[in-house]
C-alpha atoms as a PDB file:
ATOM      1  CA  MET A   1      -1.685 122.246 -96.575  1.00  0.00           C
ATOM      2  CA  ALA A   2       0.538 119.931 -94.583  1.00  0.00           C
ATOM      3  CA  SER A   3       2.340 118.793 -97.723  1.00  0.00           C
ATOM      4  CA  GLY A   4       3.064 122.447 -98.666  1.00  0.00           C
ATOM      5  CA  ASP A   5       4.603 123.081 -95.230  1.00  0.00           C
ATOM      6  CA  GLN A   6       6.617 119.879 -95.515  1.00  0.00           C
ATOM      7  CA  LYS A   7       8.058 120.919 -98.930  1.00  0.00           C
ATOM      8  CA  PHE A   8       8.913 124.353 -97.521  1.00  0.00           C
ATOM      9  CA  GLN A   9      10.762 122.748 -94.593  1.00  0.00           C
ATOM     10  CA  GLU A  10      12.677 120.469 -96.980  1.00  0.00           C
ATOM     11  CA  ARG A  11      13.759 123.422 -99.124  1.00  0.00           C
ATOM     12  CA  LYS A  12      14.661 125.399 -96.004  1.00  0.00           C
ATOM     13  CA  ASN A  13      16.974 122.646 -94.731  1.00  0.00           C
ATOM     14  CA  GLN A  14      18.831 122.213 -98.048  1.00  0.00           C
ATOM     15  CA  PRO A  15      22.127 124.070 -98.354  1.00  0.00           C
ATOM     16  CA  LEU A  16      22.142 126.989-100.742  1.00  0.00           C
ATOM     17  CA  SER A  17      24.121 126.498-103.904  1.00  0.00           C
ATOM     18  CA  PRO A  18      26.507 129.280-104.854  1.00  0.00           C
ATOM     19  CA  PRO A  19      25.207 131.586-107.555  1.00  0.00           C
ATOM     20  CA  THR A  20      26.476 130.852-111.017  1.00  0.00           C
ATOM     21  CA  PRO A  21      28.720 133.589-112.359  1.00  0.00           C
ATOM     22  CA  ILE A  22      27.452 135.596-115.275  1.00  0.00           C
ATOM     23  CA  VAL A  23      29.907 135.197-118.105  1.00  0.00           C
ATOM     24  CA  GLN A  24      29.416 137.486-121.043  1.00  0.00           C
ATOM     25  CA  PRO A  25      31.093 136.174-124.165  1.00  0.00           C
ATOM     26  CA  THR A  26      33.335 138.639-125.918  1.00  0.00           C
ATOM     27  CA  THR A  27      32.066 139.533-129.327  1.00  0.00           C
ATOM     28  CA  PRO A  28      34.310 139.946-132.360  1.00  0.00           C
ATOM     29  CA  THR A  29      33.510 143.664-132.336  1.00  0.00           C
ATOM     30  CA  LYS A  30      34.757 144.026-128.762  1.00  0.00           C
ATOM     31  CA  ARG A  31      37.941 142.084-129.503  1.00  0.00           C
ATOM     32  CA  VAL A  32      38.725 144.279-132.521  1.00  0.00           C
ATOM     33  CA  PHE A  33      37.813 147.496-130.699  1.00  0.00           C
ATOM     34  CA  ILE A  34      39.873 146.719-127.575  1.00  0.00           C
ATOM     35  CA  SER A  35      42.880 145.631-129.649  1.00  0.00           C
ATOM     36  CA  THR A  36      42.653 148.791-131.734  1.00  0.00           C
ATOM     37  CA  LEU A  37      42.463 151.037-128.674  1.00  0.00           C
ATOM     38  CA  LEU A  38      45.389 149.272-127.068  1.00  0.00           C
ATOM     39  CA  ALA A  39      47.477 149.576-130.233  1.00  0.00           C
ATOM     40  CA  GLY A  40      46.597 153.259-130.479  1.00  0.00           C
ATOM     41  CA  ALA A  41      47.792 153.802-126.918  1.00  0.00           C
ATOM     42  CA  ILE A  42      51.023 151.899-127.615  1.00  0.00           C
ATOM     43  CA  GLY A  43      51.525 153.927-130.807  1.00  0.00           C
ATOM     44  CA  GLY A  44      50.997 157.179-128.907  1.00  0.00           C
ATOM     45  CA  GLY A  45      53.513 156.098-126.290  1.00  0.00           C
ATOM     46  CA  THR A  46      55.985 155.165-128.990  1.00  0.00           C
ATOM     47  CA  GLY A  47      55.509 158.586-130.538  1.00  0.00           C
ATOM     48  CA  LEU A  48      56.103 160.260-127.185  1.00  0.00           C
ATOM     49  CA  VAL A  49      59.499 158.622-126.793  1.00  0.00           C
ATOM     50  CA  SER A  50      60.421 159.032-130.465  1.00  0.00           C
ATOM     51  CA  LYS A  51      63.472 161.101-131.337  1.00  0.00           C
ATOM     52  CA  HIS A  52      61.407 162.957-133.985  1.00  0.00           C
ATOM     53  CA  ARG A  53      58.906 164.438-131.519  1.00  0.00           C
ATOM     54  CA  LYS A  54      60.787 167.758-131.228  1.00  0.00           C
ATOM     55  CA  ALA A  55      60.887 168.367-134.990  1.00  0.00           C
ATOM     56  CA  TYR A  56      57.293 167.153-135.477  1.00  0.00           C
ATOM     57  CA  PRO A  57      55.133 167.971-132.431  1.00  0.00           C
ATOM     58  CA  ASN A  58      52.181 165.848-133.609  1.00  0.00           C
ATOM     59  CA  ILE A  59      54.221 162.650-134.132  1.00  0.00           C
ATOM     60  CA  PRO A  60      52.504 160.807-131.204  1.00  0.00           C
ATOM     61  CA  THR A  61      49.154 161.370-132.910  1.00  0.00           C
ATOM     62  CA  ILE A  62      50.494 160.086-136.224  1.00  0.00           C
ATOM     63  CA  TYR A  63      52.001 156.987-134.595  1.00  0.00           C
ATOM     64  CA  ALA A  64      48.837 156.288-132.591  1.00  0.00           C
ATOM     65  CA  THR A  65      46.694 156.605-135.717  1.00  0.00           C
ATOM     66  CA  ASN A  66      48.929 154.346-137.794  1.00  0.00           C
ATOM     67  CA  PHE A  67      49.144 151.674-135.097  1.00  0.00           C
ATOM     68  CA  ALA A  68      45.375 151.762-134.619  1.00  0.00           C
ATOM     69  CA  ILE A  69      44.675 151.524-138.381  1.00  0.00           C
ATOM     70  CA  VAL A  70      47.037 148.590-138.881  1.00  0.00           C
ATOM     71  CA  THR A  71      45.780 146.729-135.793  1.00  0.00           C
ATOM     72  CA  GLY A  72      42.130 147.377-136.613  1.00  0.00           C
ATOM     73  CA  CYS A  73      42.582 146.139-140.162  1.00  0.00           C
ATOM     74  CA  TYR A  74      44.505 143.028-139.077  1.00  0.00           C
ATOM     75  CA  CYS A  75      42.186 142.105-136.200  1.00  0.00           C
ATOM     76  CA  GLY A  76      39.109 142.743-138.350  1.00  0.00           C
ATOM     77  CA  ALA A  77      40.434 140.488-141.077  1.00  0.00           C
ATOM     78  CA  ARG A  78      41.345 137.804-138.531  1.00  0.00           C
ATOM     79  CA  GLU A  79      37.858 137.893-136.982  1.00  0.00           C
ATOM     80  CA  PHE A  80      36.251 137.826-140.437  1.00  0.00           C
ATOM     81  CA  VAL A  81      38.282 134.740-141.332  1.00  0.00           C
ATOM     82  CA  LYS A  82      37.390 133.100-137.993  1.00  0.00           C
ATOM     83  CA  ILE A  83      33.683 133.664-138.569  1.00  0.00           C
ATOM     84  CA  THR A  84      33.863 132.604-142.201  1.00  0.00           C
ATOM     85  CA  ARG A  85      35.808 129.410-141.455  1.00  0.00           C
ATOM     86  CA  ARG A  86      33.687 128.719-138.333  1.00  0.00           C
ATOM     87  CA  SER A  87      36.858 127.903-136.436  1.00  0.00           C
ATOM     88  CA  GLU A  88      37.989 128.354-132.870  1.00  0.00           C
ATOM     89  CA  HIS A  89      39.460 131.594-131.575  1.00  0.00           C
ATOM     90  CA  ASP A  90      42.813 129.910-130.885  1.00  0.00           C
ATOM     91  CA  ASP A  91      43.348 128.713-134.457  1.00  0.00           C
ATOM     92  CA  VAL A  92      46.667 130.059-135.769  1.00  0.00           C
ATOM     93  CA  LEU A  93      45.542 129.671-139.382  1.00  0.00           C
ATOM     94  CA  ASN A  94      43.070 132.523-138.802  1.00  0.00           C
ATOM     95  CA  SER A  95      46.000 134.826-138.060  1.00  0.00           C
ATOM     96  CA  THR A  96      47.861 133.699-141.177  1.00  0.00           C
ATOM     97  CA  ILE A  97      44.945 134.218-143.539  1.00  0.00           C
ATOM     98  CA  GLY A  98      43.922 137.448-141.830  1.00  0.00           C
ATOM     99  CA  GLY A  99      47.486 138.729-142.115  1.00  0.00           C
ATOM    100  CA  LEU A 100      47.591 137.895-145.815  1.00  0.00           C
ATOM    101  CA  PHE A 101      44.354 139.778-146.509  1.00  0.00           C
ATOM    102  CA  SER A 102      45.021 142.817-144.320  1.00  0.00           C
ATOM    103  CA  GLY A 103      48.616 143.077-145.527  1.00  0.00           C
ATOM    104  CA  ALA A 104      47.511 142.912-149.142  1.00  0.00           C
ATOM    105  CA  LEU A 105      44.918 145.622-148.578  1.00  0.00           C
ATOM    106  CA  LEU A 106      47.215 148.013-146.713  1.00  0.00           C
ATOM    107  CA  GLY A 107      50.164 147.257-148.987  1.00  0.00           C
ATOM    108  CA  ARG A 108      48.090 147.975-152.082  1.00  0.00           C
ATOM    109  CA  LEU A 109      47.087 151.353-150.622  1.00  0.00           C
ATOM    110  CA  GLN A 110      50.646 152.167-149.619  1.00  0.00           C
ATOM    111  CA  GLY A 111      52.895 150.804-152.335  1.00  0.00           C
ATOM    112  CA  GLY A 112      51.005 149.323-155.285  1.00  0.00           C
ATOM    113  CA  SER A 113      50.925 145.675-156.286  1.00  0.00           C
ATOM    114  CA  TYR A 114      54.531 145.017-155.241  1.00  0.00           C
ATOM    115  CA  GLY A 115      53.784 146.569-151.838  1.00  0.00           C
ATOM    116  CA  ALA A 116      50.703 144.352-151.493  1.00  0.00           C
ATOM    117  CA  LEU A 117      52.838 141.239-151.897  1.00  0.00           C
ATOM    118  CA  ARG A 118      55.489 142.425-149.416  1.00  0.00           C
ATOM    119  CA  TYR A 119      52.978 143.626-146.832  1.00  0.00           C
ATOM    120  CA  SER A 120      50.859 140.473-147.037  1.00  0.00           C
ATOM    121  CA  VAL A 121      53.883 138.230-146.394  1.00  0.00           C
ATOM    122  CA  VAL A 122      55.081 140.408-143.506  1.00  0.00           C
ATOM    123  CA  PHE A 123      51.636 140.675-141.915  1.00  0.00           C
ATOM    124  CA  ALA A 124      51.033 136.937-142.239  1.00  0.00           C
ATOM    125  CA  ALA A 125      54.402 136.098-140.684  1.00  0.00           C
ATOM    126  CA  MET A 126      54.120 138.635-137.857  1.00  0.00           C
ATOM    127  CA  GLY A 127      50.478 137.798-137.150  1.00  0.00           C
ATOM    128  CA  THR A 128      51.116 134.082-137.070  1.00  0.00           C
ATOM    129  CA  ALA A 129      54.197 134.479-134.874  1.00  0.00           C
ATOM    130  CA  SER A 130      52.427 136.773-132.416  1.00  0.00           C
ATOM    131  CA  SER A 131      49.388 134.516-132.252  1.00  0.00           C
ATOM    132  CA  TYR A 132      51.533 131.425-131.672  1.00  0.00           C
ATOM    133  CA  ALA A 133      53.632 133.204-129.031  1.00  0.00           C
ATOM    134  CA  GLY A 134      50.496 134.505-127.334  1.00  0.00           C
ATOM    135  CA  HIS A 135      48.979 131.024-127.073  1.00  0.00           C
ATOM    136  CA  LYS A 136      52.236 129.584-125.719  1.00  0.00           C
ATOM    137  CA  ALA A 137      52.552 132.437-123.199  1.00  0.00           C
ATOM    138  CA  LYS A 138      48.954 131.963-122.085  1.00  0.00           C
ATOM    139  CA  ALA A 139      49.588 128.264-121.471  1.00  0.00           C
ATOM    140  CA  MET A 140      52.768 129.059-119.534  1.00  0.00           C
ATOM    141  CA  LEU A 141      50.972 131.639-117.375  1.00  0.00           C
ATOM    142  CA  GLU A 142      48.174 129.191-116.621  1.00  0.00           C
ATOM    143  CA  ASN A 143      50.814 126.626-115.679  1.00  0.00           C
ATOM    144  CA  TYR A 144      52.587 129.205-113.506  1.00  0.00           C
ATOM    145  CA  GLY A 145      49.531 129.391-111.247  1.00  0.00           C
ATOM    146  CA  ASN A 146      50.281 125.806-110.193  1.00  0.00           C
ATOM    147  CA  LYS A 147      53.232 126.295-107.815  1.00  0.00           C
ATOM    148  CA  ASP A 148      53.962 122.550-107.702  1.00  0.00           C
ATOM    149  CA  SER A 149      54.924 122.577-111.382  1.00  0.00           C
ATOM    150  CA  ILE A 150      57.848 124.954-110.775  1.00  0.00           C
ATOM    151  CA  LYS A 151      61.107 123.059-110.631  1.00  0.00           C
ATOM    152  CA  LEU A 152      64.289 125.060-110.183  1.00  0.00           C
ATOM    153  CA  PRO A 153      67.696 123.534-110.858  1.00  0.00           C
ATOM    154  CA  GLU A 154      69.747 122.454-107.842  1.00  0.00           C
ATOM    155  CA  TRP A 155      72.476 124.993-108.497  1.00  0.00           C
ATOM    156  CA  PHE A 156      69.980 127.901-108.495  1.00  0.00           C
ATOM    157  CA  PRO A 157      70.575 130.078-105.401  1.00  0.00           C
ATOM    158  CA  ILE A 158      66.875 130.562-104.645  1.00  0.00           C
ATOM    159  CA  GLN A 159      65.122 127.352-103.685  1.00  0.00           C
ATOM    160  CA  ILE A 160      61.583 126.491-102.638  1.00  0.00           C
ATOM    161  CA  LEU A 161      61.987 124.510 -99.424  1.00  0.00           C
ATOM    162  CA  ASP A 162      59.570 122.021 -97.976  1.00  0.00           C
ATOM    163  CA  GLU A 163      58.814 121.999 -94.225  1.00  0.00           C
ATOM    164  CA  GLU A 164      61.530 119.516 -93.373  1.00  0.00           C
ATOM    165  CA  ALA A 165      64.265 121.395 -95.226  1.00  0.00           C
ATOM    166  CA  LEU A 166      63.040 124.699 -93.785  1.00  0.00           C
ATOM    167  CA  ALA A 167      63.241 123.354 -90.212  1.00  0.00           C
ATOM    168  CA  LYS A 168      66.751 122.015 -90.877  1.00  0.00           C
ATOM    169  CA  LYS A 169      67.841 125.385 -92.262  1.00  0.00           C
ATOM    170  CA  LYS A 170      66.434 127.264 -89.230  1.00  0.00           C
ATOM    171  CA  THR A 171      68.262 125.020 -86.757  1.00  0.00           C
ATOM    172  CA  GLN A 172      71.476 125.505 -88.706  1.00  0.00           C
ATOM    173  CA  GLU A 173      70.989 129.294 -88.685  1.00  0.00           C
ATOM    174  CA  HIS A 174      70.343 129.289 -84.907  1.00  0.00           C
ATOM    175  CA  LYS A 175      73.521 127.240 -84.394  1.00  0.00           C
ATOM    176  CA  ILE A 176      75.604 129.640 -86.515  1.00  0.00           C
ATOM    177  CA  PHE A 177      74.058 132.668 -84.765  1.00  0.00           C
ATOM    178  CA  ALA A 178      74.841 131.191 -81.351  1.00  0.00           C
ATOM    179  CA  GLU A 179      78.445 130.457 -82.367  1.00  0.00           C
ATOM    180  CA  ARG A 180      78.922 133.992 -83.667  1.00  0.00           C
ATOM    181  CA  SER A 181      77.334 135.568 -80.622  1.00  0.00           C
ATOM    182  CA  PHE A 182      79.389 133.388 -78.274  1.00  0.00           C
ATOM    183  CA  GLY A 183      82.560 134.251 -80.234  1.00  0.00           C
ATOM    184  CA  ARG A 184      81.833 137.991 -79.851  1.00  0.00           C
ATOM    185  CA  LEU A 185      81.351 137.627 -76.139  1.00  0.00           C
ATOM    186  CA  ASN A 186      84.702 135.847 -75.762  1.00  0.00           C
ATOM    187  CA  LYS A 187      86.495 138.564 -77.733  1.00  0.00           C
ATOM    188  CA  GLU A 188      84.904 141.339 -75.618  1.00  0.00           C
ATOM    189  CA  GLU A 189      85.903 139.670 -72.327  1.00  0.00           C
ATOM    190  CA  THR A 190      89.577 139.363 -73.285  1.00  0.00           C
END
């Protein structure tokens, strides 16, 4: 009984560890679904600002549907390739192969065998470029969180000052303010 009380006291005196966050991995289905919904919203917005919306009142719906179909097909093909190749999510080759397959499928439906070739090349190029740019932008945004990594050129008018430079600037401003105030007083007295 004494050993049970002793163990309870030891556990009571230990600091509590913070709870581990629950991280739910995103599934391929969620990634495709969210991308498709986002593309549909962008397509609807594009249709709303289109110059053809007065002649064709349902043009936002048509744009939203087309954007969603193209994005769903591309993202589905990219996720299929990722799962099939057992590669990482950041692999740019997934976007290239997924673009080739989805472009060939949609191009074949739209414009025959010649359309399949054109669409597959365009989808592969655009998919690869957007994937590459997205990865670079993500790295830049993560780097942006570290304020010490920002270096502005000397000629840039906005500068990040350290404490010493800030104190020097404040004393200079007080000196200029005093000179201006004193100069105004002298002009008013004369």
